[in-house]
Amino acid sequence: MIIGVGADLCDIRRIQDSLDRFGDRFRNRCFTEIERTRSDRKPDAAWSYAKRFAAKEACAKALGTGMRRDVYWKDMGVVNQRSGQPTLQLTGPAADHLVRLTPPGHTAKIHLTLSDEHPYALAFVVIEALPLS
């Protein structure tokens, strides 16, 4: 059963402006260490950061919280599975909220897809509740 859906479109130029203006303050406030490491290795880091920023916005929408109710940027981190497929790892209040959304006898699975076409980055999140085996 689907318990949440969210999408976000982010302007890569806006993220580049934030990186240029605020540097590490922006990176450290909004992104996990894993996200910073992965993005900073890319030749166009702003593209990677923009996709991750969009993923966080989309996730907050799927959770039904937006960026409030104690859900913070770093509580949602894009991680890649062994296959390379991206997903989101939630911590703190975001993880707590997901637990409250998940029906008893189910486990939550977060599906994430990312795309970019300059000047935009796109993220789409679906949160699914799967019955426990």
N, C-alpha and C. Protein backbone atom coordinates (compact mmCIF):
# COMPACT_ATOMS: atom_id res chain seq x y z
N MET A 1 0.84 -1.16 0.00
CA MET A 1 0.00 0.00 0.00
C MET A 1 0.90 1.24 0.00
N ILE A 2 0.48 2.25 -0.73
CA ILE A 2 1.23 3.50 -0.80
C ILE A 2 0.81 4.39 0.37
N ILE A 3 1.79 4.86 1.13
CA ILE A 3 1.46 5.74 2.26
C ILE A 3 1.95 7.16 2.05
N GLY A 4 2.67 7.41 0.96
CA GLY A 4 3.10 8.77 0.68
C GLY A 4 3.76 8.90 -0.68
N VAL A 5 3.52 10.04 -1.33
CA VAL A 5 4.12 10.36 -2.63
C VAL A 5 4.56 11.82 -2.59
N GLY A 6 5.73 12.09 -3.15
CA GLY A 6 6.21 13.46 -3.23
C GLY A 6 7.10 13.65 -4.43
N ALA A 7 7.08 14.84 -4.99
CA ALA A 7 7.94 15.18 -6.12
C ALA A 7 8.47 16.59 -5.92
N ASP A 8 9.65 16.85 -6.47
CA ASP A 8 10.20 18.19 -6.39
C ASP A 8 11.09 18.45 -7.59
N LEU A 9 11.04 19.68 -8.07
CA LEU A 9 11.88 20.15 -9.16
C LEU A 9 12.74 21.27 -8.59
N CYS A 10 14.05 21.17 -8.78
CA CYS A 10 14.99 22.12 -8.20
C CYS A 10 15.84 22.74 -9.30
N ASP A 11 16.07 24.02 -9.23
CA ASP A 11 16.92 24.72 -10.20
C ASP A 11 18.38 24.56 -9.78
N ILE A 12 19.15 23.88 -10.60
CA ILE A 12 20.57 23.64 -10.31
C ILE A 12 21.32 24.95 -10.11
N ARG A 13 20.95 25.99 -10.85
CA ARG A 13 21.62 27.29 -10.73
C ARG A 13 21.43 27.88 -9.33
N ARG A 14 20.26 27.65 -8.75
CA ARG A 14 19.99 28.15 -7.39
C ARG A 14 20.88 27.45 -6.38
N ILE A 15 21.08 26.14 -6.57
CA ILE A 15 21.95 25.39 -5.66
C ILE A 15 23.40 25.85 -5.85
N GLN A 16 23.82 26.07 -7.10
CA GLN A 16 25.17 26.57 -7.35
C GLN A 16 25.37 27.92 -6.67
N ASP A 17 24.38 28.79 -6.74
CA ASP A 17 24.46 30.10 -6.06
C ASP A 17 24.63 29.92 -4.55
N SER A 18 23.89 28.98 -3.96
CA SER A 18 24.00 28.73 -2.52
C SER A 18 25.37 28.16 -2.16
N LEU A 19 25.88 27.27 -3.01
CA LEU A 19 27.22 26.72 -2.78
C LEU A 19 28.27 27.82 -2.86
N ASP A 20 28.14 28.70 -3.86
CA ASP A 20 29.09 29.80 -4.02
C ASP A 20 29.01 30.81 -2.87
N ARG A 21 27.80 31.10 -2.45
CA ARG A 21 27.61 32.14 -1.44
C ARG A 21 27.90 31.64 -0.02
N PHE A 22 27.42 30.42 0.29
CA PHE A 22 27.49 29.94 1.67
C PHE A 22 28.46 28.78 1.89
N GLY A 23 28.91 28.14 0.81
CA GLY A 23 29.92 27.09 0.90
C GLY A 23 29.60 26.00 1.89
N ASP A 24 30.54 25.72 2.79
CA ASP A 24 30.40 24.63 3.75
C ASP A 24 29.22 24.83 4.70
N ARG A 25 28.87 26.08 4.97
CA ARG A 25 27.73 26.33 5.86
C ARG A 25 26.45 25.73 5.25
N PHE A 26 26.26 25.90 3.95
CA PHE A 26 25.11 25.32 3.25
C PHE A 26 25.24 23.80 3.18
N ARG A 27 26.41 23.32 2.78
CA ARG A 27 26.63 21.87 2.67
C ARG A 27 26.37 21.17 4.00
N ASN A 28 26.95 21.70 5.07
CA ASN A 28 26.85 21.04 6.37
C ASN A 28 25.45 21.15 6.98
N ARG A 29 24.72 22.19 6.64
CA ARG A 29 23.37 22.37 7.19
C ARG A 29 22.36 21.43 6.52
N CYS A 30 22.53 21.21 5.22
CA CYS A 30 21.50 20.51 4.46
C CYS A 30 21.82 19.07 4.08
N PHE A 31 23.09 18.69 4.10
CA PHE A 31 23.47 17.40 3.54
C PHE A 31 24.24 16.55 4.54
N THR A 32 24.03 15.24 4.45
CA THR A 32 24.75 14.31 5.31
C THR A 32 26.19 14.16 4.81
N GLU A 33 27.01 13.57 5.63
CA GLU A 33 28.41 13.35 5.24
C GLU A 33 28.51 12.49 3.98
N ILE A 34 27.67 11.46 3.90
CA ILE A 34 27.67 10.59 2.71
C ILE A 34 27.33 11.40 1.47
N GLU A 35 26.32 12.26 1.57
CA GLU A 35 25.92 13.09 0.42
C GLU A 35 27.02 14.06 0.02
N ARG A 36 27.66 14.67 1.01
CA ARG A 36 28.74 15.62 0.70
C ARG A 36 29.90 14.92 0.03
N THR A 37 30.29 13.77 0.55
CA THR A 37 31.40 13.02 -0.03
C THR A 37 31.12 12.65 -1.48
N ARG A 38 29.93 12.12 -1.73
CA ARG A 38 29.56 11.69 -3.08
C ARG A 38 29.49 12.90 -4.03
N SER A 39 28.84 13.96 -3.59
CA SER A 39 28.65 15.14 -4.46
C SER A 39 29.96 15.85 -4.74
N ASP A 40 30.80 15.97 -3.74
CA ASP A 40 32.06 16.71 -3.92
C ASP A 40 33.03 15.99 -4.86
N ARG A 41 32.83 14.70 -5.10
CA ARG A 41 33.67 13.95 -6.04
C ARG A 41 33.27 14.20 -7.49
N LYS A 42 32.10 14.75 -7.70
CA LYS A 42 31.58 14.95 -9.06
C LYS A 42 32.18 16.20 -9.68
N PRO A 43 32.40 16.17 -11.01
CA PRO A 43 32.94 17.37 -11.68
C PRO A 43 31.98 18.56 -11.59
N ASP A 44 30.68 18.29 -11.62
CA ASP A 44 29.66 19.34 -11.46
C ASP A 44 28.89 19.06 -10.18
N ALA A 45 29.50 19.38 -9.06
CA ALA A 45 28.93 19.05 -7.75
C ALA A 45 27.53 19.63 -7.57
N ALA A 46 27.27 20.80 -8.11
CA ALA A 46 25.96 21.43 -7.93
C ALA A 46 24.84 20.56 -8.47
N TRP A 47 25.10 19.83 -9.55
CA TRP A 47 24.08 18.95 -10.12
C TRP A 47 23.72 17.86 -9.12
N SER A 48 24.73 17.27 -8.50
CA SER A 48 24.52 16.21 -7.52
C SER A 48 23.81 16.76 -6.28
N TYR A 49 24.27 17.89 -5.80
CA TYR A 49 23.61 18.50 -4.64
C TYR A 49 22.16 18.86 -4.95
N ALA A 50 21.88 19.35 -6.14
CA ALA A 50 20.52 19.74 -6.51
C ALA A 50 19.59 18.53 -6.50
N LYS A 51 20.06 17.40 -7.02
CA LYS A 51 19.23 16.19 -7.00
C LYS A 51 18.93 15.76 -5.57
N ARG A 52 19.92 15.84 -4.71
CA ARG A 52 19.73 15.45 -3.32
C ARG A 52 18.83 16.44 -2.59
N PHE A 53 18.96 17.71 -2.89
CA PHE A 53 18.08 18.72 -2.31
C PHE A 53 16.63 18.45 -2.72
N ALA A 54 16.42 18.17 -4.01
CA ALA A 54 15.08 17.85 -4.50
C ALA A 54 14.54 16.59 -3.83
N ALA A 55 15.40 15.60 -3.61
CA ALA A 55 14.98 14.35 -2.95
C ALA A 55 14.47 14.63 -1.53
N LYS A 56 15.14 15.51 -0.82
CA LYS A 56 14.73 15.84 0.55
C LYS A 56 13.37 16.53 0.54
N GLU A 57 13.19 17.47 -0.38
CA GLU A 57 11.90 18.17 -0.51
C GLU A 57 10.79 17.18 -0.85
N ALA A 58 11.07 16.28 -1.80
CA ALA A 58 10.07 15.28 -2.21
C ALA A 58 9.75 14.34 -1.05
N CYS A 59 10.76 13.96 -0.29
CA CYS A 59 10.55 13.08 0.85
C CYS A 59 9.68 13.76 1.91
N ALA A 60 9.97 15.02 2.20
CA ALA A 60 9.18 15.75 3.19
C ALA A 60 7.71 15.84 2.75
N LYS A 61 7.49 15.97 1.46
CA LYS A 61 6.11 15.98 0.94
C LYS A 61 5.48 14.60 1.10
N ALA A 62 6.23 13.55 0.80
CA ALA A 62 5.70 12.19 0.93
C ALA A 62 5.38 11.86 2.39
N LEU A 63 6.17 12.40 3.30
CA LEU A 63 5.91 12.20 4.73
C LEU A 63 4.72 13.01 5.20
N GLY A 64 4.35 14.02 4.42
CA GLY A 64 3.23 14.89 4.78
C GLY A 64 3.60 15.98 5.76
N THR A 65 4.89 16.19 5.96
CA THR A 65 5.32 17.18 6.95
C THR A 65 5.81 18.48 6.31
N GLY A 66 6.29 18.41 5.08
CA GLY A 66 7.03 19.54 4.55
C GLY A 66 8.28 19.70 5.40
N MET A 67 8.94 20.81 5.28
CA MET A 67 10.15 21.05 6.07
C MET A 67 9.79 21.75 7.38
N ARG A 68 8.98 21.07 8.16
CA ARG A 68 8.59 21.57 9.48
C ARG A 68 8.24 20.37 10.35
N ARG A 69 7.62 20.62 11.48
CA ARG A 69 7.28 19.55 12.42
C ARG A 69 8.52 18.77 12.82
N ASP A 70 9.60 19.47 13.03
CA ASP A 70 10.85 18.87 13.49
C ASP A 70 11.52 17.96 12.47
N VAL A 71 11.14 18.03 11.21
CA VAL A 71 11.82 17.28 10.16
C VAL A 71 12.84 18.22 9.53
N TYR A 72 14.11 17.84 9.60
CA TYR A 72 15.20 18.69 9.15
C TYR A 72 15.91 18.09 7.95
N TRP A 73 16.64 18.92 7.24
CA TRP A 73 17.34 18.51 6.02
C TRP A 73 18.20 17.27 6.23
N LYS A 74 18.98 17.27 7.28
CA LYS A 74 19.92 16.16 7.49
C LYS A 74 19.26 14.91 8.06
N ASP A 75 17.94 14.98 8.36
CA ASP A 75 17.22 13.79 8.80
C ASP A 75 16.86 12.89 7.62
N MET A 76 17.09 13.39 6.40
CA MET A 76 16.78 12.63 5.18
C MET A 76 18.05 12.63 4.34
N GLY A 77 18.62 11.47 4.11
CA GLY A 77 19.86 11.40 3.34
C GLY A 77 19.75 10.43 2.18
N VAL A 78 20.19 10.86 1.02
CA VAL A 78 20.20 9.98 -0.14
C VAL A 78 21.39 9.03 -0.01
N VAL A 79 21.11 7.76 -0.09
CA VAL A 79 22.14 6.71 -0.08
C VAL A 79 21.88 5.81 -1.28
N ASN A 80 22.93 5.16 -1.72
CA ASN A 80 22.78 4.26 -2.86
C ASN A 80 22.87 2.82 -2.40
N GLN A 81 21.99 1.98 -2.94
CA GLN A 81 22.04 0.56 -2.68
C GLN A 81 23.23 -0.02 -3.43
N ARG A 82 23.56 -1.28 -3.17
CA ARG A 82 24.68 -1.92 -3.85
C ARG A 82 24.56 -1.84 -5.37
N SER A 83 23.34 -1.89 -5.87
CA SER A 83 23.10 -1.83 -7.31
C SER A 83 23.34 -0.43 -7.88
N GLY A 84 23.48 0.56 -6.99
CA GLY A 84 23.62 1.94 -7.41
C GLY A 84 22.32 2.71 -7.34
N GLN A 85 21.22 1.99 -7.17
CA GLN A 85 19.91 2.63 -7.09
C GLN A 85 19.83 3.52 -5.86
N PRO A 86 19.36 4.77 -6.03
CA PRO A 86 19.25 5.65 -4.87
C PRO A 86 18.01 5.34 -4.04
N THR A 87 18.12 5.59 -2.76
CA THR A 87 17.00 5.54 -1.85
C THR A 87 17.27 6.57 -0.75
N LEU A 88 16.38 6.68 0.19
CA LEU A 88 16.55 7.63 1.28
C LEU A 88 16.68 6.89 2.60
N GLN A 89 17.59 7.37 3.42
CA GLN A 89 17.76 6.86 4.77
C GLN A 89 17.29 7.96 5.71
N LEU A 90 16.32 7.64 6.55
CA LEU A 90 15.77 8.64 7.47
C LEU A 90 16.32 8.41 8.86
N THR A 91 16.55 9.51 9.57
CA THR A 91 17.01 9.46 10.95
C THR A 91 16.20 10.47 11.76
N GLY A 92 16.36 10.42 13.05
CA GLY A 92 15.75 11.41 13.94
C GLY A 92 14.25 11.53 13.76
N PRO A 93 13.73 12.77 13.84
CA PRO A 93 12.28 12.99 13.74
C PRO A 93 11.66 12.50 12.43
N ALA A 94 12.40 12.54 11.32
CA ALA A 94 11.85 12.04 10.05
C ALA A 94 11.60 10.54 10.15
N ALA A 95 12.54 9.80 10.73
CA ALA A 95 12.36 8.36 10.91
C ALA A 95 11.20 8.07 11.86
N ASP A 96 11.11 8.87 12.92
CA ASP A 96 10.00 8.71 13.87
C ASP A 96 8.66 8.92 13.18
N HIS A 97 8.59 9.94 12.34
CA HIS A 97 7.34 10.23 11.63
C HIS A 97 6.98 9.07 10.69
N LEU A 98 7.97 8.52 10.01
CA LEU A 98 7.73 7.39 9.11
C LEU A 98 7.17 6.19 9.89
N VAL A 99 7.69 5.95 11.07
CA VAL A 99 7.19 4.85 11.90
C VAL A 99 5.71 5.08 12.23
N ARG A 100 5.35 6.32 12.55
CA ARG A 100 3.95 6.63 12.87
C ARG A 100 3.04 6.45 11.65
N LEU A 101 3.56 6.70 10.45
CA LEU A 101 2.76 6.55 9.23
C LEU A 101 2.57 5.10 8.82
N THR A 102 3.49 4.25 9.22
CA THR A 102 3.48 2.85 8.78
C THR A 102 2.47 2.04 9.59
N PRO A 103 1.53 1.40 8.90
CA PRO A 103 0.51 0.63 9.62
C PRO A 103 1.13 -0.54 10.39
N PRO A 104 0.51 -0.95 11.49
CA PRO A 104 1.00 -2.11 12.23
C PRO A 104 1.08 -3.34 11.31
N GLY A 105 2.11 -4.15 11.52
CA GLY A 105 2.28 -5.35 10.72
C GLY A 105 2.90 -5.08 9.35
N HIS A 106 3.41 -3.87 9.16
CA HIS A 106 4.02 -3.49 7.89
C HIS A 106 5.40 -2.89 8.13
N THR A 107 6.19 -2.84 7.08
CA THR A 107 7.46 -2.14 7.10
C THR A 107 7.46 -1.15 5.94
N ALA A 108 8.11 -0.03 6.13
CA ALA A 108 8.12 1.01 5.09
C ALA A 108 9.30 0.81 4.14
N LYS A 109 9.05 1.03 2.88
CA LYS A 109 10.10 1.03 1.87
C LYS A 109 9.98 2.33 1.10
N ILE A 110 11.13 3.02 0.95
CA ILE A 110 11.14 4.28 0.23
C ILE A 110 11.74 4.07 -1.15
N HIS A 111 10.98 4.44 -2.16
CA HIS A 111 11.43 4.38 -3.55
C HIS A 111 11.79 5.81 -3.96
N LEU A 112 12.92 5.96 -4.63
CA LEU A 112 13.40 7.28 -5.05
C LEU A 112 13.94 7.20 -6.46
N THR A 113 13.56 8.15 -7.28
CA THR A 113 14.20 8.30 -8.58
C THR A 113 14.65 9.74 -8.72
N LEU A 114 15.83 9.89 -9.33
CA LEU A 114 16.44 11.21 -9.52
C LEU A 114 16.75 11.40 -10.99
N SER A 115 16.64 12.64 -11.45
CA SER A 115 16.98 12.94 -12.83
C SER A 115 17.41 14.39 -12.92
N ASP A 116 18.17 14.71 -13.96
CA ASP A 116 18.51 16.10 -14.19
C ASP A 116 18.59 16.40 -15.68
N GLU A 117 18.25 17.59 -16.00
CA GLU A 117 18.38 18.15 -17.35
C GLU A 117 18.58 19.64 -17.10
N HIS A 118 19.81 20.07 -17.28
CA HIS A 118 20.15 21.45 -16.92
C HIS A 118 19.14 22.41 -17.52
N PRO A 119 18.61 23.29 -16.73
CA PRO A 119 19.05 23.71 -15.40
C PRO A 119 18.25 23.10 -14.24
N TYR A 120 17.60 21.96 -14.45
CA TYR A 120 16.74 21.43 -13.41
C TYR A 120 17.16 20.04 -12.95
N ALA A 121 16.85 19.77 -11.68
CA ALA A 121 17.01 18.45 -11.09
C ALA A 121 15.64 18.04 -10.56
N LEU A 122 15.33 16.77 -10.71
CA LEU A 122 14.02 16.25 -10.34
C LEU A 122 14.16 15.07 -9.40
N ALA A 123 13.28 14.99 -8.42
CA ALA A 123 13.22 13.83 -7.53
C ALA A 123 11.77 13.44 -7.35
N PHE A 124 11.54 12.13 -7.32
CA PHE A 124 10.21 11.58 -7.10
C PHE A 124 10.33 10.50 -6.04
N VAL A 125 9.50 10.59 -5.00
CA VAL A 125 9.55 9.66 -3.87
C VAL A 125 8.19 8.99 -3.70
N VAL A 126 8.22 7.68 -3.51
CA VAL A 126 7.04 6.91 -3.15
C VAL A 126 7.39 6.13 -1.89
N ILE A 127 6.56 6.26 -0.87
CA ILE A 127 6.74 5.48 0.35
C ILE A 127 5.67 4.40 0.37
N GLU A 128 6.15 3.18 0.45
CA GLU A 128 5.27 2.01 0.37
C GLU A 128 5.30 1.26 1.70
N ALA A 129 4.16 0.77 2.13
CA ALA A 129 4.07 -0.09 3.32
C ALA A 129 3.93 -1.53 2.84
N LEU A 130 4.91 -2.35 3.20
CA LEU A 130 4.90 -3.76 2.82
C LEU A 130 4.56 -4.62 4.03
N PRO A 131 3.69 -5.63 3.84
CA PRO A 131 3.36 -6.52 4.97
C PRO A 131 4.61 -7.27 5.43
N LEU A 132 4.73 -7.43 6.73
CA LEU A 132 5.83 -8.24 7.28
C LEU A 132 5.57 -9.69 6.92
N SER A 133 6.63 -10.40 6.62
CA SER A 133 6.48 -11.82 6.24
C SER A 133 6.15 -12.69 7.41
